[in-house]
C-alpha atoms as a PDB file:
ATOM      1  CA  MET A   1     105.116-101.638 -36.822  1.00  0.00           C
ATOM      2  CA  ASN A   2     104.191-103.801 -33.883  1.00  0.00           C
ATOM      3  CA  PRO A   3     107.308-105.454 -32.299  1.00  0.00           C
ATOM      4  CA  ASN A   4     105.626-108.873 -32.340  1.00  0.00           C
ATOM      5  CA  THR A   5     104.811-108.490 -36.023  1.00  0.00           C
ATOM      6  CA  ARG A   6     108.383-107.468 -36.772  1.00  0.00           C
ATOM      7  CA  LEU A   7     109.761-110.442 -34.821  1.00  0.00           C
ATOM      8  CA  THR A   8     107.404-112.818 -36.624  1.00  0.00           C
ATOM      9  CA  LEU A   9     108.434-111.378 -40.001  1.00  0.00           C
ATOM     10  CA  ILE A  10     112.144-111.731 -39.195  1.00  0.00           C
ATOM     11  CA  SER A  11     111.646-115.268 -37.892  1.00  0.00           C
ATOM     12  CA  SER A  12     109.662-116.295 -40.973  1.00  0.00           C
ATOM     13  CA  THR A  13     112.283-114.804 -43.289  1.00  0.00           C
ATOM     14  CA  CYS A  14     115.096-116.661 -41.505  1.00  0.00           C
ATOM     15  CA  THR A  15     113.157-119.926 -41.672  1.00  0.00           C
ATOM     16  CA  LEU A  16     112.512-119.452 -45.387  1.00  0.00           C
ATOM     17  CA  LEU A  17     116.190-118.715 -46.041  1.00  0.00           C
ATOM     18  CA  ALA A  18     117.227-121.799 -44.061  1.00  0.00           C
ATOM     19  CA  TYR A  19     114.882-124.048 -46.052  1.00  0.00           C
ATOM     20  CA  THR A  20     116.120-122.517 -49.301  1.00  0.00           C
ATOM     21  CA  MET A  21     119.755-123.195 -48.361  1.00  0.00           C
ATOM     22  CA  ILE A  22     118.943-126.796 -47.394  1.00  0.00           C
ATOM     23  CA  ASN A  23     117.147-127.369 -50.697  1.00  0.00           C
ATOM     24  CA  LEU A  24     119.994-125.863 -52.729  1.00  0.00           C
ATOM     25  CA  THR A  25     122.560-127.975 -50.897  1.00  0.00           C
ATOM     26  CA  THR A  26     120.503-131.120 -51.435  1.00  0.00           C
ATOM     27  CA  TYR A  27     120.061-130.281 -55.134  1.00  0.00           C
ATOM     28  CA  HIS A  28     123.790-129.733 -55.669  1.00  0.00           C
ATOM     29  CA  GLU A  29     124.639-132.989 -53.891  1.00  0.00           C
ATOM     30  CA  PHE A  30     122.106-134.796 -56.095  1.00  0.00           C
ATOM     31  CA  ARG A  31     123.554-133.238 -59.269  1.00  0.00           C
ATOM     32  CA  ARG A  32     127.095-134.163 -58.157  1.00  0.00           C
ATOM     33  CA  GLU A  33     126.072-137.806 -57.662  1.00  0.00           C
ATOM     34  CA  LEU A  34     124.226-137.854 -60.976  1.00  0.00           C
ATOM     35  CA  THR A  35     127.256-136.441 -62.788  1.00  0.00           C
ATOM     36  CA  LYS A  36     129.485-139.035 -61.128  1.00  0.00           C
ATOM     37  CA  HIS A  37     127.207-141.830 -62.361  1.00  0.00           C
ATOM     38  CA  ASP A  38     127.051-140.303 -65.849  1.00  0.00           C
ATOM     39  CA  ASN A  39     130.860-140.292 -65.964  1.00  0.00           C
ATOM     40  CA  GLU A  40     131.005-143.923 -64.856  1.00  0.00           C
ATOM     41  CA  ILE A  41     128.548-144.922 -67.590  1.00  0.00           C
ATOM     42  CA  TYR A  42     130.553-142.974 -70.185  1.00  0.00           C
ATOM     43  CA  GLU A  43     133.791-144.678 -69.109  1.00  0.00           C
ATOM     44  CA  ALA A  44     132.110-148.098 -69.249  1.00  0.00           C
ATOM     45  CA  LYS A  45     130.906-147.404 -72.801  1.00  0.00           C
ATOM     46  CA  ILE A  46     134.442-146.440 -73.830  1.00  0.00           C
ATOM     47  CA  ASP A  47     135.763-149.676 -72.275  1.00  0.00           C
ATOM     48  CA  ILE A  48     133.173-151.721 -74.191  1.00  0.00           C
ATOM     49  CA  ARG A  49     134.050-149.996 -77.477  1.00  0.00           C
ATOM     50  CA  THR A  50     137.745-150.586 -76.847  1.00  0.00           C
ATOM     51  CA  LEU A  51     137.153-154.289 -76.174  1.00  0.00           C
ATOM     52  CA  GLU A  52     134.964-154.602 -79.272  1.00  0.00           C
ATOM     53  CA  HIS A  53     137.616-152.888 -81.359  1.00  0.00           C
ATOM     54  CA  GLU A  54     140.339-155.206 -80.054  1.00  0.00           C
ATOM     55  CA  ARG A  55     138.150-158.249 -80.698  1.00  0.00           C
ATOM     56  CA  TYR A  56     137.449-157.031 -84.247  1.00  0.00           C
ATOM     57  CA  LYS A  57     141.167-156.462 -84.899  1.00  0.00           C
ATOM     58  CA  SER A  58     142.046-159.968 -83.679  1.00  0.00           C
ATOM     59  CA  LYS A  59     139.722-161.645 -86.212  1.00  0.00           C
END
């Protein structure tokens, strides 16, 4: 194999791996943020139900 071809192949492979790692990291950060927001929404719904229950009991 030609040394220039080998160097190009290695360089391309490294670049592809780097882009893959960046995309995976970005995806996991996005999922973490989404999960955090989902948890906040869930907690807010529980708070609303608790307040509604207390209001119903006080009637």
